[in-house]
Amino acid sequence: MQYRSLFLASMAALLVILSVSSCRKTIIVGSKPIISLVAGTDYIMGDSTLIQDKKYMFKVNATNAEDKSKNTSFEVVRTYSGASDTTVYYQDLKGAEQLDFSYLHTFTTLKKIGTERFTLTVKNEHGIVNQKILIFTVK
């Protein structure tokens, strides 16, 4: 009888411990910032075939995530036909830019056939990044 009472008390204690430890709360640190291309008459809107040695533009809009985390930086990296990456634009975002930032990028294509890639990156205060990659075939 004593063993049965001890067993029941042990089982009750185990159930209490398991129920307390299963009450953990999941905390979401942040969501990805939003990055998009802006439509415009002369703006490139996605991967395209372009002409050599010609000027083109694209416009980017970076806004804060649904959880309202502030964006902290914006970067544009350009790569020519698999060569090393080159940062062509970087900005630390401050004030209102942390919530809504637009950037117009103008560039001239290579003077030879190849591939150009632009990687657009926005980072928020939690270190979470979002990227958009544009790939241009130069003919």
N, C-alpha and C. Protein backbone atom coordinates (compact mmCIF):
# COMPACT_ATOMS: atom_id res chain seq x y z
N MET A 1 0.81 -1.19 0.00
CA MET A 1 0.00 0.00 0.00
C MET A 1 0.86 1.26 0.00
N GLN A 2 1.94 1.21 0.79
CA GLN A 2 2.83 2.36 0.85
C GLN A 2 3.51 2.60 -0.51
N TYR A 3 3.86 1.51 -1.19
CA TYR A 3 4.49 1.63 -2.49
C TYR A 3 3.53 2.23 -3.52
N ARG A 4 2.27 1.86 -3.41
CA ARG A 4 1.27 2.39 -4.33
C ARG A 4 1.11 3.90 -4.13
N SER A 5 1.05 4.37 -2.90
CA SER A 5 0.95 5.80 -2.60
C SER A 5 2.17 6.54 -3.10
N LEU A 6 3.35 5.95 -2.91
CA LEU A 6 4.59 6.56 -3.38
C LEU A 6 4.60 6.64 -4.90
N PHE A 7 4.14 5.58 -5.56
CA PHE A 7 4.07 5.56 -7.02
C PHE A 7 3.12 6.63 -7.53
N LEU A 8 1.93 6.75 -6.93
CA LEU A 8 0.95 7.74 -7.36
C LEU A 8 1.46 9.17 -7.13
N ALA A 9 2.13 9.39 -6.03
CA ALA A 9 2.71 10.71 -5.75
C ALA A 9 3.80 11.04 -6.76
N SER A 10 4.62 10.06 -7.12
CA SER A 10 5.68 10.27 -8.12
C SER A 10 5.09 10.59 -9.48
N MET A 11 4.05 9.87 -9.86
CA MET A 11 3.40 10.13 -11.15
C MET A 11 2.77 11.52 -11.18
N ALA A 12 2.16 11.94 -10.10
CA ALA A 12 1.54 13.27 -10.03
C ALA A 12 2.61 14.35 -10.16
N ALA A 13 3.74 14.17 -9.50
CA ALA A 13 4.84 15.14 -9.57
C ALA A 13 5.38 15.21 -11.00
N LEU A 14 5.51 14.05 -11.65
CA LEU A 14 6.00 14.00 -13.03
C LEU A 14 5.05 14.74 -13.97
N LEU A 15 3.76 14.55 -13.80
CA LEU A 15 2.77 15.26 -14.63
C LEU A 15 2.85 16.77 -14.43
N VAL A 16 3.04 17.21 -13.21
CA VAL A 16 3.16 18.65 -12.92
C VAL A 16 4.40 19.21 -13.62
N ILE A 17 5.52 18.52 -13.54
CA ILE A 17 6.77 18.97 -14.17
C ILE A 17 6.60 19.04 -15.68
N LEU A 18 6.00 18.01 -16.28
CA LEU A 18 5.81 18.00 -17.74
C LEU A 18 4.87 19.10 -18.19
N SER A 19 3.82 19.37 -17.45
CA SER A 19 2.89 20.41 -17.87
C SER A 19 3.49 21.80 -17.74
N VAL A 20 4.34 22.03 -16.75
CA VAL A 20 4.99 23.33 -16.59
C VAL A 20 6.01 23.55 -17.70
N SER A 21 6.78 22.52 -18.05
CA SER A 21 7.82 22.69 -19.07
C SER A 21 7.23 22.80 -20.46
N SER A 22 6.00 22.34 -20.69
CA SER A 22 5.41 22.44 -22.02
C SER A 22 4.72 23.78 -22.25
N CYS A 23 4.75 24.68 -21.28
CA CYS A 23 4.11 25.99 -21.41
C CYS A 23 5.08 27.03 -21.97
N ARG A 24 6.09 26.61 -22.66
CA ARG A 24 7.04 27.57 -23.24
C ARG A 24 6.36 28.39 -24.31
N LYS A 25 6.74 29.64 -24.39
CA LYS A 25 6.17 30.54 -25.38
C LYS A 25 7.18 30.78 -26.49
N THR A 26 6.75 30.65 -27.74
CA THR A 26 7.62 30.91 -28.88
C THR A 26 7.64 32.41 -29.15
N ILE A 27 8.84 32.97 -29.20
CA ILE A 27 8.98 34.40 -29.45
C ILE A 27 9.52 34.58 -30.86
N ILE A 28 8.82 35.36 -31.68
CA ILE A 28 9.27 35.64 -33.04
C ILE A 28 10.09 36.92 -33.00
N VAL A 29 11.35 36.81 -33.41
CA VAL A 29 12.26 37.95 -33.34
C VAL A 29 11.91 39.00 -34.38
N GLY A 30 11.60 38.59 -35.59
CA GLY A 30 11.31 39.55 -36.63
C GLY A 30 10.99 38.86 -37.94
N SER A 31 10.45 39.61 -38.86
CA SER A 31 10.12 39.10 -40.18
C SER A 31 11.07 39.69 -41.21
N LYS A 32 11.07 39.11 -42.40
CA LYS A 32 11.92 39.63 -43.47
C LYS A 32 11.43 41.01 -43.91
N PRO A 33 12.37 41.92 -44.17
CA PRO A 33 11.98 43.21 -44.75
C PRO A 33 11.41 42.97 -46.16
N ILE A 34 10.67 43.92 -46.66
CA ILE A 34 10.05 43.78 -47.98
C ILE A 34 10.87 44.59 -48.99
N ILE A 35 11.22 43.94 -50.11
CA ILE A 35 11.98 44.62 -51.16
C ILE A 35 11.29 44.33 -52.49
N SER A 36 11.07 45.38 -53.28
CA SER A 36 10.36 45.21 -54.55
C SER A 36 10.87 46.20 -55.58
N LEU A 37 10.68 45.84 -56.84
CA LEU A 37 11.01 46.74 -57.94
C LEU A 37 9.79 47.62 -58.22
N VAL A 38 10.06 48.87 -58.55
CA VAL A 38 8.99 49.84 -58.81
C VAL A 38 8.79 49.95 -60.32
N ALA A 39 7.54 49.94 -60.74
CA ALA A 39 7.22 50.07 -62.16
C ALA A 39 7.40 51.52 -62.61
N GLY A 40 7.88 51.66 -63.83
CA GLY A 40 8.05 52.99 -64.41
C GLY A 40 8.30 52.85 -65.90
N THR A 41 8.08 53.91 -66.63
CA THR A 41 8.21 53.88 -68.08
C THR A 41 9.57 53.39 -68.54
N ASP A 42 10.64 53.88 -67.94
CA ASP A 42 11.98 53.53 -68.38
C ASP A 42 12.70 52.56 -67.44
N TYR A 43 11.99 51.96 -66.49
CA TYR A 43 12.63 51.09 -65.51
C TYR A 43 12.56 49.63 -65.94
N ILE A 44 13.64 48.92 -65.69
CA ILE A 44 13.67 47.47 -65.90
C ILE A 44 12.95 46.84 -64.71
N MET A 45 12.10 45.85 -64.98
CA MET A 45 11.29 45.25 -63.92
C MET A 45 11.69 43.82 -63.57
N GLY A 46 12.68 43.27 -64.25
CA GLY A 46 13.09 41.90 -63.95
C GLY A 46 14.20 41.46 -64.87
N ASP A 47 14.51 40.16 -64.82
CA ASP A 47 15.56 39.61 -65.67
C ASP A 47 15.24 39.96 -67.12
N SER A 48 16.29 40.40 -67.87
CA SER A 48 16.08 40.88 -69.24
C SER A 48 17.30 40.63 -70.10
N THR A 49 17.09 40.73 -71.41
CA THR A 49 18.20 40.74 -72.36
C THR A 49 18.41 42.20 -72.76
N LEU A 50 19.64 42.68 -72.59
CA LEU A 50 19.94 44.09 -72.81
C LEU A 50 20.99 44.26 -73.92
N ILE A 51 21.09 45.47 -74.41
CA ILE A 51 22.05 45.82 -75.47
C ILE A 51 23.35 46.29 -74.83
N GLN A 52 24.48 45.95 -75.49
CA GLN A 52 25.80 46.36 -74.99
C GLN A 52 25.93 47.88 -74.93
N ASP A 53 26.70 48.35 -73.95
CA ASP A 53 27.08 49.75 -73.80
C ASP A 53 25.89 50.72 -73.87
N LYS A 54 24.83 50.37 -73.18
CA LYS A 54 23.63 51.21 -73.16
C LYS A 54 23.23 51.47 -71.71
N LYS A 55 22.66 52.64 -71.45
CA LYS A 55 22.26 53.04 -70.11
C LYS A 55 20.85 52.50 -69.80
N TYR A 56 20.70 51.95 -68.58
CA TYR A 56 19.43 51.41 -68.11
C TYR A 56 19.20 51.86 -66.66
N MET A 57 17.95 51.68 -66.19
CA MET A 57 17.61 52.05 -64.81
C MET A 57 16.66 51.03 -64.20
N PHE A 58 16.77 50.87 -62.90
CA PHE A 58 15.74 50.17 -62.14
C PHE A 58 15.56 50.91 -60.83
N LYS A 59 14.34 50.83 -60.31
CA LYS A 59 14.02 51.51 -59.06
C LYS A 59 13.57 50.46 -58.04
N VAL A 60 14.09 50.60 -56.84
CA VAL A 60 13.83 49.64 -55.77
C VAL A 60 13.14 50.34 -54.61
N ASN A 61 12.20 49.63 -54.00
CA ASN A 61 11.55 50.13 -52.79
C ASN A 61 11.75 49.09 -51.69
N ALA A 62 12.23 49.54 -50.53
CA ALA A 62 12.43 48.66 -49.38
C ALA A 62 11.58 49.20 -48.23
N THR A 63 10.69 48.36 -47.72
CA THR A 63 9.85 48.76 -46.60
C THR A 63 10.05 47.80 -45.43
N ASN A 64 9.64 48.25 -44.26
CA ASN A 64 9.83 47.40 -43.08
C ASN A 64 8.85 46.22 -43.11
N ALA A 65 9.20 45.20 -42.35
CA ALA A 65 8.42 43.97 -42.31
C ALA A 65 7.08 44.18 -41.64
N GLU A 66 6.23 43.16 -41.72
CA GLU A 66 4.90 43.22 -41.10
C GLU A 66 4.97 43.47 -39.61
N ASP A 67 6.06 43.02 -38.97
CA ASP A 67 6.19 43.23 -37.52
C ASP A 67 6.74 44.62 -37.18
N LYS A 68 6.92 45.47 -38.20
CA LYS A 68 7.37 46.86 -38.06
C LYS A 68 8.82 47.00 -37.61
N SER A 69 9.64 45.94 -37.80
CA SER A 69 11.07 46.04 -37.51
C SER A 69 11.68 47.08 -38.44
N LYS A 70 12.53 47.92 -37.91
CA LYS A 70 13.15 48.98 -38.72
C LYS A 70 14.26 48.40 -39.58
N ASN A 71 14.32 48.85 -40.85
CA ASN A 71 15.41 48.46 -41.73
C ASN A 71 16.64 49.30 -41.38
N THR A 72 17.81 48.69 -41.49
CA THR A 72 19.03 49.39 -41.09
C THR A 72 19.99 49.67 -42.25
N SER A 73 19.93 48.86 -43.32
CA SER A 73 20.85 49.12 -44.43
C SER A 73 20.28 48.61 -45.75
N PHE A 74 20.80 49.20 -46.83
CA PHE A 74 20.43 48.82 -48.19
C PHE A 74 21.71 48.75 -49.01
N GLU A 75 21.84 47.71 -49.85
CA GLU A 75 23.07 47.52 -50.63
C GLU A 75 22.74 47.00 -52.02
N VAL A 76 23.52 47.47 -53.01
CA VAL A 76 23.44 46.97 -54.37
C VAL A 76 24.82 46.43 -54.73
N VAL A 77 24.86 45.15 -55.12
CA VAL A 77 26.12 44.50 -55.52
C VAL A 77 26.00 44.09 -56.97
N ARG A 78 27.03 44.38 -57.76
CA ARG A 78 27.04 44.07 -59.20
C ARG A 78 28.12 43.04 -59.49
N THR A 79 27.78 42.07 -60.34
CA THR A 79 28.73 41.04 -60.74
C THR A 79 28.73 40.96 -62.27
N TYR A 80 29.91 41.00 -62.88
CA TYR A 80 30.05 40.89 -64.33
C TYR A 80 30.48 39.48 -64.70
N SER A 81 29.67 38.78 -65.48
CA SER A 81 30.01 37.46 -66.05
C SER A 81 30.79 36.57 -65.09
N GLY A 82 30.33 36.45 -63.86
CA GLY A 82 30.95 35.55 -62.91
C GLY A 82 32.19 36.08 -62.21
N ALA A 83 32.59 37.31 -62.49
CA ALA A 83 33.75 37.92 -61.81
C ALA A 83 33.38 38.21 -60.36
N SER A 84 34.31 38.76 -59.62
CA SER A 84 34.03 39.03 -58.20
C SER A 84 32.96 40.11 -58.04
N ASP A 85 32.25 40.02 -56.92
CA ASP A 85 31.19 40.98 -56.62
C ASP A 85 31.77 42.35 -56.29
N THR A 86 31.06 43.40 -56.72
CA THR A 86 31.45 44.76 -56.42
C THR A 86 30.25 45.51 -55.85
N THR A 87 30.42 46.08 -54.66
CA THR A 87 29.35 46.89 -54.08
C THR A 87 29.33 48.22 -54.82
N VAL A 88 28.22 48.51 -55.48
CA VAL A 88 28.11 49.76 -56.24
C VAL A 88 27.30 50.81 -55.49
N TYR A 89 26.59 50.37 -54.44
CA TYR A 89 25.85 51.34 -53.62
C TYR A 89 25.60 50.73 -52.25
N TYR A 90 25.78 51.54 -51.21
CA TYR A 90 25.49 51.10 -49.85
C TYR A 90 25.00 52.31 -49.05
N GLN A 91 23.96 52.09 -48.25
CA GLN A 91 23.48 53.19 -47.41
C GLN A 91 22.95 52.63 -46.09
N ASP A 92 23.42 53.25 -44.99
CA ASP A 92 22.83 53.00 -43.69
C ASP A 92 21.53 53.80 -43.66
N LEU A 93 20.45 53.16 -43.26
CA LEU A 93 19.14 53.82 -43.26
C LEU A 93 18.87 54.45 -41.90
N LYS A 94 18.35 55.68 -41.94
CA LYS A 94 18.08 56.44 -40.72
C LYS A 94 16.69 57.07 -40.80
N GLY A 95 16.07 57.28 -39.65
CA GLY A 95 14.79 57.99 -39.58
C GLY A 95 13.70 57.33 -40.43
N ALA A 96 13.03 58.14 -41.24
CA ALA A 96 11.92 57.66 -42.06
C ALA A 96 12.36 56.62 -43.09
N GLU A 97 13.65 56.66 -43.50
CA GLU A 97 14.18 55.67 -44.46
C GLU A 97 14.08 54.24 -43.92
N GLN A 98 14.09 54.10 -42.60
CA GLN A 98 14.03 52.77 -41.99
C GLN A 98 12.67 52.10 -42.20
N LEU A 99 11.67 52.90 -42.51
CA LEU A 99 10.32 52.38 -42.72
C LEU A 99 9.98 52.26 -44.20
N ASP A 100 10.47 53.20 -45.00
CA ASP A 100 10.16 53.21 -46.44
C ASP A 100 11.30 53.91 -47.17
N PHE A 101 12.02 53.15 -48.00
CA PHE A 101 13.21 53.68 -48.69
C PHE A 101 13.11 53.35 -50.17
N SER A 102 13.37 54.33 -51.03
CA SER A 102 13.40 54.11 -52.48
C SER A 102 14.75 54.52 -53.02
N TYR A 103 15.20 53.78 -54.04
CA TYR A 103 16.49 54.06 -54.65
C TYR A 103 16.40 53.82 -56.15
N LEU A 104 16.86 54.78 -56.94
CA LEU A 104 16.91 54.66 -58.39
C LEU A 104 18.35 54.40 -58.79
N HIS A 105 18.58 53.27 -59.46
CA HIS A 105 19.94 52.91 -59.87
C HIS A 105 20.05 53.00 -61.39
N THR A 106 21.03 53.76 -61.85
CA THR A 106 21.33 53.88 -63.27
C THR A 106 22.66 53.21 -63.54
N PHE A 107 22.73 52.43 -64.62
CA PHE A 107 23.98 51.73 -64.97
C PHE A 107 24.10 51.61 -66.48
N THR A 108 25.33 51.40 -66.94
CA THR A 108 25.60 51.14 -68.34
C THR A 108 26.10 49.71 -68.47
N THR A 109 25.54 48.99 -69.43
CA THR A 109 25.91 47.59 -69.61
C THR A 109 27.34 47.45 -70.14
N LEU A 110 27.83 46.22 -70.05
CA LEU A 110 29.17 45.91 -70.57
C LEU A 110 29.28 46.23 -72.05
N LYS A 111 30.50 46.41 -72.50
CA LYS A 111 30.74 46.65 -73.93
C LYS A 111 31.06 45.34 -74.64
N LYS A 112 30.60 44.25 -74.04
CA LYS A 112 30.82 42.92 -74.63
C LYS A 112 29.68 42.00 -74.21
N ILE A 113 29.55 40.89 -74.89
CA ILE A 113 28.53 39.90 -74.56
C ILE A 113 28.86 39.27 -73.21
N GLY A 114 27.84 39.07 -72.40
CA GLY A 114 28.06 38.47 -71.09
C GLY A 114 26.82 38.54 -70.24
N THR A 115 27.01 38.30 -68.95
CA THR A 115 25.91 38.32 -67.99
C THR A 115 26.24 39.30 -66.87
N GLU A 116 25.27 40.08 -66.50
CA GLU A 116 25.42 40.99 -65.37
C GLU A 116 24.36 40.63 -64.35
N ARG A 117 24.78 40.61 -63.08
CA ARG A 117 23.85 40.30 -61.99
C ARG A 117 23.90 41.41 -60.96
N PHE A 118 22.73 41.85 -60.54
CA PHE A 118 22.61 42.83 -59.45
C PHE A 118 21.90 42.13 -58.29
N THR A 119 22.51 42.18 -57.11
CA THR A 119 21.91 41.64 -55.90
C THR A 119 21.53 42.82 -55.01
N LEU A 120 20.24 42.95 -54.76
CA LEU A 120 19.72 44.05 -53.95
C LEU A 120 19.39 43.48 -52.58
N THR A 121 19.96 44.08 -51.52
CA THR A 121 19.81 43.53 -50.18
C THR A 121 19.35 44.61 -49.21
N VAL A 122 18.33 44.27 -48.42
CA VAL A 122 17.90 45.13 -47.33
C VAL A 122 17.99 44.31 -46.04
N LYS A 123 18.50 44.95 -44.98
CA LYS A 123 18.68 44.27 -43.69
C LYS A 123 17.95 45.05 -42.61
N ASN A 124 17.33 44.32 -41.66
CA ASN A 124 16.62 45.02 -40.59
C ASN A 124 17.37 44.95 -39.27
N GLU A 125 16.80 45.55 -38.25
CA GLU A 125 17.46 45.69 -36.95
C GLU A 125 17.73 44.35 -36.25
N HIS A 126 17.09 43.29 -36.69
CA HIS A 126 17.32 41.97 -36.11
C HIS A 126 18.37 41.18 -36.91
N GLY A 127 18.93 41.82 -37.95
CA GLY A 127 19.92 41.15 -38.79
C GLY A 127 19.30 40.27 -39.86
N ILE A 128 17.99 40.33 -40.01
CA ILE A 128 17.30 39.53 -41.01
C ILE A 128 17.37 40.26 -42.35
N VAL A 129 17.75 39.53 -43.41
CA VAL A 129 17.90 40.14 -44.72
C VAL A 129 16.88 39.59 -45.71
N ASN A 130 16.63 40.38 -46.73
CA ASN A 130 15.84 39.94 -47.87
C ASN A 130 16.57 40.45 -49.11
N GLN A 131 16.58 39.62 -50.15
CA GLN A 131 17.30 39.98 -51.37
C GLN A 131 16.42 39.80 -52.59
N LYS A 132 16.73 40.58 -53.60
CA LYS A 132 16.15 40.42 -54.92
C LYS A 132 17.35 40.40 -55.87
N ILE A 133 17.36 39.43 -56.79
CA ILE A 133 18.46 39.30 -57.73
C ILE A 133 17.94 39.54 -59.14
N LEU A 134 18.61 40.43 -59.85
CA LEU A 134 18.30 40.72 -61.25
C LEU A 134 19.45 40.18 -62.10
N ILE A 135 19.11 39.42 -63.14
CA ILE A 135 20.12 38.87 -64.06
C ILE A 135 19.85 39.40 -65.44
N PHE A 136 20.86 40.04 -66.01
CA PHE A 136 20.75 40.61 -67.34
C PHE A 136 21.72 39.92 -68.29
N THR A 137 21.20 39.48 -69.44
CA THR A 137 22.02 38.91 -70.50
C THR A 137 22.33 40.04 -71.46
N VAL A 138 23.61 40.31 -71.67
CA VAL A 138 24.03 41.39 -72.56
C VAL A 138 24.38 40.79 -73.92
N LYS A 139 23.70 41.27 -74.97
CA LYS A 139 23.91 40.75 -76.34
C LYS A 139 24.58 41.79 -77.20
